[in-house]
């Protein structure tokens, strides 16, 4: 029986982590967060990264000890029980489908604003193209990812470089009018700019030396994106101020135009297209690997676990998830679904952190990376991860209730 190819090295898996975390979120979230945190926007990014790191370290441990495709499904199945694992697996497949559909529609929207093309049609064409890349092979997919990630990072570096001459023009420790509450409100918004590190663990079975490289990739991708986010936030409030930043629908484009005096804003629309493409690519790969893992573990029909003998990719999972994504794209308005996916992801974070704690007392002797800071056998950071994820989950849930 053919198996997934281990073809991804450290550069590839690190690029995947950085690319999926950066995504297109920073382009929209930075302005919304600035409304609440003011010049201390950088602090909100820093605290949000620490909260994300709690759960990131749990993923680092589990991906090192169980380097299999399927990520969370495998961890929960091995440590807690199969029924909960099935629930987690099905939930994450749906999250993958809805997230990809949401981003495909956003991709179509950007293209429409630039070229007046049909939104739904080009959203569907995007997912078909990504399904094709996925089918051809993981090595081919990662090459596309590396190119898109370089473009994403380059866009943020442009903002950082433009802000250098403005650094020091504002008080970066000035408490916002909303006070400490404003900083923590911004954290609730910014936290979602860090989501994505959990998706790369689904590439563990296709990563060389996964037990060693997966923890490095998860932790390093969070650290690198945090540095980029903090420097971008400092540039942003320095160049245009947090008030203008909060009022803009295209904050990074406004920063670029203000700093350069150029009216051309299409550059960041192009970068956003690459960011969306990259995020959909990695989310789709992650979802198909969960479906593949559930297939070989008989939680889904066995055909989901079948691999193409030539490309070693789960062709049936790719086809079915592409069809489901297209159906959701055709539905059109799925903004509420996007919020609900955040709730599901946070609920999974709670479960994953609990799984690490349970693993320490399970009697399973599995080698690999261990989360630091323990009292006896009890790991403190997963406890912080579970509690912080649950708090953000409640805040997100209340926001959804208000929308409804």
Protein backbone atom coordinates (compact mmCIF):
# COMPACT_ATOMS: atom_id res chain seq x y z
CA UNK A 1 0.00 0.00 0.00
CA UNK A 2 1.51 3.39 -1.00
CA UNK A 3 2.31 5.91 1.73
CA UNK A 4 2.62 9.70 1.79
CA UNK A 5 6.04 10.87 0.62
CA UNK A 6 8.38 12.49 3.16
CA UNK A 7 9.61 15.29 0.90
CA UNK A 8 9.31 18.45 3.01
CA UNK A 9 12.40 19.82 4.77
CA UNK A 10 12.82 22.52 7.40
CA UNK A 11 12.62 25.42 4.92
CA UNK A 12 9.43 24.03 3.41
CA UNK A 13 7.63 23.36 6.69
CA UNK A 14 8.79 26.70 8.18
CA UNK A 15 7.59 28.52 5.05
CA UNK A 16 4.23 26.76 5.39
CA UNK A 17 3.95 27.89 9.00
CA UNK A 18 4.84 31.51 8.29
CA UNK A 19 2.68 31.65 5.17
CA UNK A 20 -0.49 30.27 6.74
CA UNK A 21 -0.14 32.43 9.89
CA UNK A 22 0.43 35.66 7.96
CA UNK A 23 -2.41 34.90 5.56
CA UNK A 24 -4.48 37.94 4.71
CA UNK A 25 -5.57 38.59 8.30
CA UNK A 26 -3.00 41.29 9.10
CA UNK A 27 -4.27 43.41 6.20
CA UNK A 28 -7.70 43.79 7.83
CA UNK A 29 -7.20 43.11 11.55
CA UNK A 30 -4.53 45.71 12.23
CA UNK A 31 -6.93 48.60 11.67
CA UNK A 32 -9.75 47.11 13.75
CA UNK A 33 -7.38 46.41 16.64
CA UNK A 34 -5.85 49.92 16.54
CA UNK A 35 -9.24 51.43 17.40
CA UNK A 36 -9.02 49.85 20.86
CA UNK A 37 -5.29 49.67 21.64
CA UNK A 38 -4.09 52.98 20.16
CA UNK A 39 -0.30 53.44 20.12
CA UNK A 40 0.06 50.31 22.27
CA UNK A 41 -1.02 48.16 19.34
CA UNK A 42 2.41 46.50 19.46
CA UNK A 43 1.73 45.31 23.03
CA UNK A 44 -1.55 43.69 21.99
CA UNK A 45 0.34 41.80 19.27
CA UNK A 46 2.99 40.71 21.78
CA UNK A 47 0.49 39.44 24.37
CA UNK A 48 -1.60 37.71 21.69
CA UNK A 49 1.55 35.92 20.49
CA UNK A 50 2.30 34.70 24.02
CA UNK A 51 -1.26 33.35 24.31
CA UNK A 52 -0.89 31.64 20.91
CA UNK A 53 2.49 30.23 21.96
CA UNK A 54 0.93 28.36 24.91
CA UNK A 55 -1.15 26.28 22.49
CA UNK A 56 1.61 26.31 19.86
CA UNK A 57 3.93 24.50 22.29
CA UNK A 58 1.24 21.88 22.88
CA UNK A 59 1.02 21.30 19.13
CA UNK A 60 4.83 21.18 19.01
CA UNK A 61 4.90 18.39 21.61
CA UNK A 62 2.13 16.31 20.05
CA UNK A 63 3.40 16.68 16.47
CA UNK A 64 6.82 15.52 17.68
CA UNK A 65 5.44 12.48 19.49
CA UNK A 66 2.78 11.56 16.91
CA UNK A 67 4.20 12.69 13.52
CA UNK A 68 1.23 11.55 11.47
CA UNK A 69 -1.09 13.14 8.92
CA UNK A 70 -4.37 14.00 10.58
CA UNK A 71 -2.90 16.07 13.39
CA UNK A 72 -5.56 16.69 16.01
CA UNK A 73 -7.59 13.62 15.00
CA UNK A 74 -4.57 11.39 15.68
CA UNK A 75 -3.63 13.11 18.96
CA UNK A 76 -7.11 12.95 20.46
CA UNK A 77 -7.62 9.38 19.23
CA UNK A 78 -4.37 8.16 20.80
CA UNK A 79 -4.62 10.10 24.07
CA UNK A 80 -8.31 10.62 24.87
CA UNK A 81 -10.74 8.48 22.86
CA UNK A 82 -11.88 7.68 19.33
CA UNK A 83 -15.37 9.23 19.64
CA UNK A 84 -14.03 12.66 20.57
CA UNK A 85 -11.35 12.29 17.90
CA UNK A 86 -14.04 11.66 15.27
CA UNK A 87 -15.91 14.78 16.41
CA UNK A 88 -12.72 16.84 16.25
CA UNK A 89 -11.82 15.41 12.83
CA UNK A 90 -15.23 16.07 11.26
CA UNK A 91 -15.30 19.58 12.78
CA UNK A 92 -11.87 20.44 11.38
CA UNK A 93 -12.74 19.14 7.91
CA UNK A 94 -15.81 21.41 7.92
CA UNK A 95 -13.68 24.28 9.23
CA UNK A 96 -11.25 23.67 6.37
CA UNK A 97 -14.03 23.66 3.79
CA UNK A 98 -15.71 26.83 5.11
CA UNK A 99 -12.40 28.64 5.61
CA UNK A 100 -11.28 27.82 2.07
CA UNK A 101 -14.65 28.89 0.66
CA UNK A 102 -14.59 32.17 2.61
CA UNK A 103 -11.10 32.98 1.35
CA UNK A 104 -11.93 31.95 -2.22
CA UNK A 105 -14.80 34.44 -2.19
CA UNK A 106 -12.42 37.08 -0.77
CA UNK A 107 -9.99 36.25 -3.60
CA UNK A 108 -12.78 36.73 -6.12
CA UNK A 109 -13.66 40.01 -4.45
CA UNK A 110 -10.12 41.38 -4.76
CA UNK A 111 -9.99 40.37 -8.43
CA UNK A 112 -13.36 42.01 -9.06
CA UNK A 113 -12.11 45.29 -7.57
CA UNK A 114 -9.05 45.15 -9.83
CA UNK A 115 -10.35 43.59 -13.06
CA UNK A 116 -14.15 43.52 -12.65
CA UNK A 117 -14.22 39.71 -12.89
CA UNK A 118 -17.06 37.50 -11.52
CA UNK A 119 -16.47 36.77 -7.81
CA UNK A 120 -17.99 33.29 -7.59
CA UNK A 121 -16.46 32.04 -10.85
CA UNK A 122 -12.92 33.01 -9.89
CA UNK A 123 -13.41 31.69 -6.37
CA UNK A 124 -14.28 28.30 -7.89
CA UNK A 125 -11.34 28.48 -10.33
CA UNK A 126 -9.01 29.16 -7.38
CA UNK A 127 -10.07 26.04 -5.45
CA UNK A 128 -9.85 23.91 -8.61
CA UNK A 129 -6.31 25.18 -9.24
CA UNK A 130 -5.32 24.51 -5.63
CA UNK A 131 -6.85 21.00 -5.76
CA UNK A 132 -4.74 20.33 -8.88
CA UNK A 133 -1.54 21.54 -7.17
CA UNK A 134 -2.37 19.38 -4.16
CA UNK A 135 -2.92 16.32 -6.37
CA UNK A 136 0.37 16.76 -8.23
CA UNK A 137 2.30 16.35 -4.97
CA UNK A 138 3.37 17.88 -1.67
CA UNK A 139 6.79 18.93 -3.01
CA UNK A 140 5.13 20.84 -5.84
CA UNK A 141 2.64 22.42 -3.40
CA UNK A 142 5.40 23.60 -1.06
CA UNK A 143 7.25 25.27 -3.96
CA UNK A 144 4.15 27.37 -4.63
CA UNK A 145 3.89 28.07 -0.90
CA UNK A 146 7.48 29.30 -0.63
CA UNK A 147 6.99 31.77 -3.52
CA UNK A 148 3.75 33.11 -2.04
CA UNK A 149 5.25 33.36 1.46
CA UNK A 150 8.21 35.38 0.17
CA UNK A 151 5.76 37.82 -1.45
CA UNK A 152 3.68 38.03 1.77
CA UNK A 153 6.75 38.75 3.91
CA UNK A 154 8.09 41.25 1.36
CA UNK A 155 4.85 43.28 1.63
CA UNK A 156 5.22 43.56 5.41
CA UNK A 157 8.93 44.36 5.16
CA UNK A 158 8.05 47.25 2.80
CA UNK A 159 5.80 48.69 5.53
CA UNK A 160 8.53 48.22 8.16
CA UNK A 161 11.21 49.88 6.02
CA UNK A 162 8.91 52.81 5.16
CA UNK A 163 8.30 53.32 8.88
CA UNK A 164 11.96 53.55 9.92
CA UNK A 165 12.22 57.33 9.44
CA UNK A 166 8.97 57.79 11.39
CA UNK A 167 10.00 55.70 14.41
CA UNK A 168 9.95 57.72 17.62
CA UNK A 169 7.38 60.26 16.39
CA UNK A 170 4.67 58.95 18.74
CA UNK A 171 4.54 57.68 22.31
CA UNK A 172 4.40 53.89 22.03
CA UNK A 173 3.53 53.38 25.70
CA UNK A 174 0.67 55.88 25.75
CA UNK A 175 -2.33 54.18 27.37
CA UNK A 176 -5.35 54.23 25.00
CA UNK A 177 -8.53 56.10 25.94
CA UNK A 178 -10.16 52.72 26.50
CA UNK A 179 -7.46 51.87 29.05
CA UNK A 180 -6.15 48.38 29.74
CA UNK A 181 -9.50 46.96 28.63
CA UNK A 182 -8.84 48.36 25.16
CA UNK A 183 -5.51 46.55 24.94
CA UNK A 184 -7.15 43.24 25.86
CA UNK A 185 -10.08 43.87 23.49
CA UNK A 186 -7.50 44.29 20.72
CA UNK A 187 -5.88 41.00 21.78
CA UNK A 188 -9.20 39.24 21.13
CA UNK A 189 -9.14 40.63 17.58
CA UNK A 190 -5.43 40.14 16.93
CA UNK A 191 -5.33 36.55 18.19
CA UNK A 192 -6.88 35.39 14.92
CA UNK A 193 -3.90 36.80 13.02
CA UNK A 194 -1.86 34.01 14.64
CA UNK A 195 -4.13 31.12 13.66
CA UNK A 196 -2.59 28.70 11.19
CA UNK A 197 0.28 27.19 13.17
CA UNK A 198 -2.09 24.32 13.99
CA UNK A 199 -2.49 23.44 10.31
CA UNK A 200 1.14 22.61 9.56
CA UNK A 201 1.11 19.62 11.92
CA UNK A 202 -1.02 17.86 9.29
CA UNK A 203 2.10 17.80 7.10
CA UNK A 204 4.06 15.78 9.68
CA UNK A 205 3.81 12.52 7.75
CA UNK A 206 5.23 14.27 4.67
CA UNK A 207 8.05 16.01 6.58
CA UNK A 208 11.58 14.63 6.82
CA UNK A 209 12.76 14.07 10.43
CA UNK A 210 9.33 15.22 11.61
CA UNK A 211 9.95 14.46 15.30
CA UNK A 212 12.72 17.05 15.29
CA UNK A 213 11.55 19.54 12.69
CA UNK A 214 7.84 19.94 13.52
CA UNK A 215 8.39 21.55 16.97
CA UNK A 216 11.04 23.86 15.47
CA UNK A 217 8.67 24.89 12.65
CA UNK A 218 5.69 25.57 14.94
CA UNK A 219 7.65 27.64 17.47
CA UNK A 220 9.88 29.44 14.94
CA UNK A 221 6.94 30.40 12.69
CA UNK A 222 5.15 31.98 15.68
CA UNK A 223 8.29 33.88 16.73
CA UNK A 224 9.04 35.17 13.20
CA UNK A 225 5.44 36.29 12.55
CA UNK A 226 5.32 37.98 15.97
CA UNK A 227 8.43 40.05 15.15
CA UNK A 228 6.93 41.03 11.79
CA UNK A 229 3.57 41.95 13.36
CA UNK A 230 5.15 44.08 16.11
CA UNK A 231 7.39 45.97 13.68
CA UNK A 232 4.48 46.52 11.26
CA UNK A 233 2.28 47.83 14.10
CA UNK A 234 5.02 50.26 15.19
CA UNK A 235 5.39 51.49 11.60
CA UNK A 236 1.63 51.80 11.18
CA UNK A 237 0.96 54.03 14.19
CA UNK A 238 4.12 56.04 13.41
CA UNK A 239 3.23 56.78 9.78
CA UNK A 240 -0.52 57.49 9.94
CA UNK A 241 -1.51 57.29 13.62
CA UNK A 242 -3.89 54.83 15.19
CA UNK A 243 -6.99 57.00 14.50
CA UNK A 244 -6.58 56.93 10.73
CA UNK A 245 -5.46 53.31 10.91
CA UNK A 246 -8.72 52.37 12.62
CA UNK A 247 -10.89 54.21 10.09
CA UNK A 248 -9.29 52.69 6.97
CA UNK A 249 -10.69 49.66 5.13
CA UNK A 250 -7.27 49.15 3.50
CA UNK A 251 -4.83 50.19 6.26
CA UNK A 252 -1.59 48.88 4.73
CA UNK A 253 -2.39 50.45 1.38
CA UNK A 254 -3.03 53.79 3.18
CA UNK A 255 0.30 53.47 5.03
CA UNK A 256 2.13 52.84 1.74
CA UNK A 257 0.44 55.79 0.04
CA UNK A 258 1.11 58.15 2.96
CA UNK A 259 4.79 57.20 3.34
CA UNK A 260 5.63 57.27 -0.38
CA UNK A 261 3.26 59.93 -1.67
CA UNK A 262 2.20 57.50 -4.41
CA UNK A 263 -1.50 57.00 -5.12
CA UNK A 264 -0.98 53.50 -6.50
CA UNK A 265 -2.51 51.04 -4.05
CA UNK A 266 -2.71 48.01 -6.30
CA UNK A 267 0.56 46.62 -4.92
CA UNK A 268 -1.05 45.50 -1.68
CA UNK A 269 -4.09 44.16 -3.47
CA UNK A 270 -1.72 41.92 -5.45
CA UNK A 271 0.09 40.88 -2.27
CA UNK A 272 -3.27 40.14 -0.64
CA UNK A 273 -4.14 37.86 -3.58
CA UNK A 274 -0.94 35.87 -2.99
CA UNK A 275 -1.66 35.78 0.75
CA UNK A 276 -5.16 34.42 0.18
CA UNK A 277 -3.88 31.89 -2.36
CA UNK A 278 -1.21 30.70 0.08
CA UNK A 279 -3.63 30.36 2.98
CA UNK A 280 -6.20 28.43 0.93
CA UNK A 281 -3.46 26.13 -0.37
CA UNK A 282 -2.27 25.22 3.13
CA UNK A 283 -5.75 24.99 4.67
CA UNK A 284 -6.88 22.71 1.87
CA UNK A 285 -3.83 20.46 2.24
CA UNK A 286 -4.44 20.25 6.01
CA UNK A 287 -8.12 19.35 5.56
CA UNK A 288 -7.38 16.65 2.98
CA UNK A 289 -4.75 15.10 5.29
CA UNK A 290 -7.27 14.93 8.14
CA UNK A 291 -9.76 13.23 5.81
CA UNK A 292 -6.99 10.86 4.65
CA UNK A 293 -6.08 9.98 8.24
CA UNK A 294 -9.72 9.39 9.14
CA UNK A 295 -10.03 7.16 6.08
CA UNK A 296 -7.09 4.90 6.99
CA UNK A 297 -8.41 4.75 10.58
CA UNK A 298 -11.90 3.77 9.31
CA UNK A 299 -13.61 6.85 10.74
CA UNK A 300 -14.48 7.73 7.13
CA UNK A 301 -14.94 5.27 4.24
CA UNK A 302 -11.62 3.60 3.38
CA UNK A 303 -11.52 5.30 -0.02
CA UNK A 304 -10.67 8.61 1.74
CA UNK A 305 -7.40 6.95 2.76
CA UNK A 306 -6.48 5.86 -0.77
CA UNK A 307 -3.39 7.41 -2.34
CA UNK A 308 -2.57 7.87 -6.00
CA UNK A 309 0.26 5.39 -6.63
CA UNK A 310 2.23 7.90 -8.70
CA UNK A 311 1.80 11.18 -6.81
CA UNK A 312 1.25 9.66 -3.33
CA UNK A 313 -1.52 12.15 -2.61
CA UNK A 314 -5.03 11.36 -1.23
CA UNK A 315 -6.86 11.87 -4.51
CA UNK A 316 -10.37 10.99 -3.29
CA UNK A 317 -10.12 13.31 -0.27
CA UNK A 318 -8.91 16.07 -2.59
CA UNK A 319 -11.81 15.58 -5.03
CA UNK A 320 -14.55 15.40 -2.36
CA UNK A 321 -13.29 18.39 -0.36
CA UNK A 322 -12.92 20.46 -3.54
CA UNK A 323 -16.55 19.67 -4.47
CA UNK A 324 -17.76 20.57 -0.96
CA UNK A 325 -15.80 23.84 -1.05
CA UNK A 326 -17.32 24.74 -4.44
CA UNK A 327 -20.82 24.10 -3.07
CA UNK A 328 -20.15 26.44 -0.13
CA UNK A 329 -18.69 29.08 -2.48
CA UNK A 330 -21.88 28.97 -4.55
CA UNK A 331 -23.88 29.64 -1.35
CA UNK A 332 -22.24 33.06 -1.32
CA UNK A 333 -22.83 34.81 2.02
CA UNK A 334 -20.95 32.85 4.67
CA UNK A 335 -19.66 35.56 7.03
CA UNK A 336 -21.37 33.95 10.03
CA UNK A 337 -19.77 30.60 9.12
CA UNK A 338 -16.37 32.31 9.26
CA UNK A 339 -17.02 33.36 12.87
CA UNK A 340 -18.26 29.89 13.77
CA UNK A 341 -15.08 28.33 12.39
CA UNK A 342 -13.07 30.46 14.83
CA UNK A 343 -15.16 29.07 17.69
CA UNK A 344 -14.54 25.48 16.52
CA UNK A 345 -10.78 26.08 16.26
CA UNK A 346 -10.66 27.56 19.77
CA UNK A 347 -12.65 24.60 21.13
CA UNK A 348 -10.12 22.27 19.49
CA UNK A 349 -7.29 24.28 21.10
CA UNK A 350 -8.86 23.61 24.51
CA UNK A 351 -9.01 19.88 23.75
CA UNK A 352 -5.41 19.76 22.45
CA UNK A 353 -4.04 21.46 25.55
CA UNK A 354 -5.98 19.05 27.75
CA UNK A 355 -4.60 16.15 25.67
CA UNK A 356 -1.01 17.20 26.50
CA UNK A 357 -1.85 17.26 30.21
CA UNK A 358 -3.54 13.84 29.98
CA UNK A 359 -0.59 12.43 28.02
CA UNK A 360 1.71 13.07 30.98
CA UNK A 361 -0.44 10.80 33.15
CA UNK A 362 -1.45 8.25 30.50
CA UNK A 363 1.48 5.89 30.88
CA UNK A 364 2.26 6.19 27.15
CA UNK A 365 6.02 6.24 26.72
CA UNK A 366 6.42 8.33 23.57
CA UNK A 367 9.70 10.06 22.77
CA UNK A 368 9.82 13.60 21.44
CA UNK A 369 9.72 17.25 22.43
CA UNK A 370 8.21 18.13 25.83
CA UNK A 371 6.56 21.46 26.69
CA UNK A 372 8.77 23.23 29.28
CA UNK A 373 7.74 24.46 32.77
CA UNK A 374 6.30 21.58 34.73
CA UNK A 375 5.36 20.99 38.35
CA UNK A 376 6.25 17.35 38.74
CA UNK A 377 4.61 15.71 35.74
CA UNK A 378 2.01 18.49 35.37
CA UNK A 379 2.74 20.87 32.43
CA UNK A 380 1.78 24.47 33.25
CA UNK A 381 1.78 26.01 29.77
CA UNK A 382 -0.91 23.70 28.34
CA UNK A 383 -3.10 24.70 31.31
CA UNK A 384 -2.56 28.37 30.40
CA UNK A 385 -3.28 27.47 26.77
CA UNK A 386 -6.56 25.75 27.63
CA UNK A 387 -7.77 28.58 29.87
CA UNK A 388 -6.77 31.41 27.49
CA UNK A 389 -8.29 29.62 24.48
CA UNK A 390 -11.53 29.10 26.40
CA UNK A 391 -11.69 32.79 27.39
CA UNK A 392 -11.16 33.93 23.77
CA UNK A 393 -13.75 31.33 22.68
CA UNK A 394 -16.34 32.87 25.02
CA UNK A 395 -15.53 36.39 23.79
CA UNK A 396 -15.86 35.25 20.16
CA UNK A 397 -19.10 33.44 20.91
CA UNK A 398 -20.58 36.57 22.50
CA UNK A 399 -19.58 38.57 19.42
CA UNK A 400 -21.38 36.03 17.21
CA UNK A 401 -24.49 36.29 19.41
CA UNK A 402 -24.42 40.07 19.02
CA UNK A 403 -24.14 39.72 15.22
CA UNK A 404 -27.13 37.35 15.15
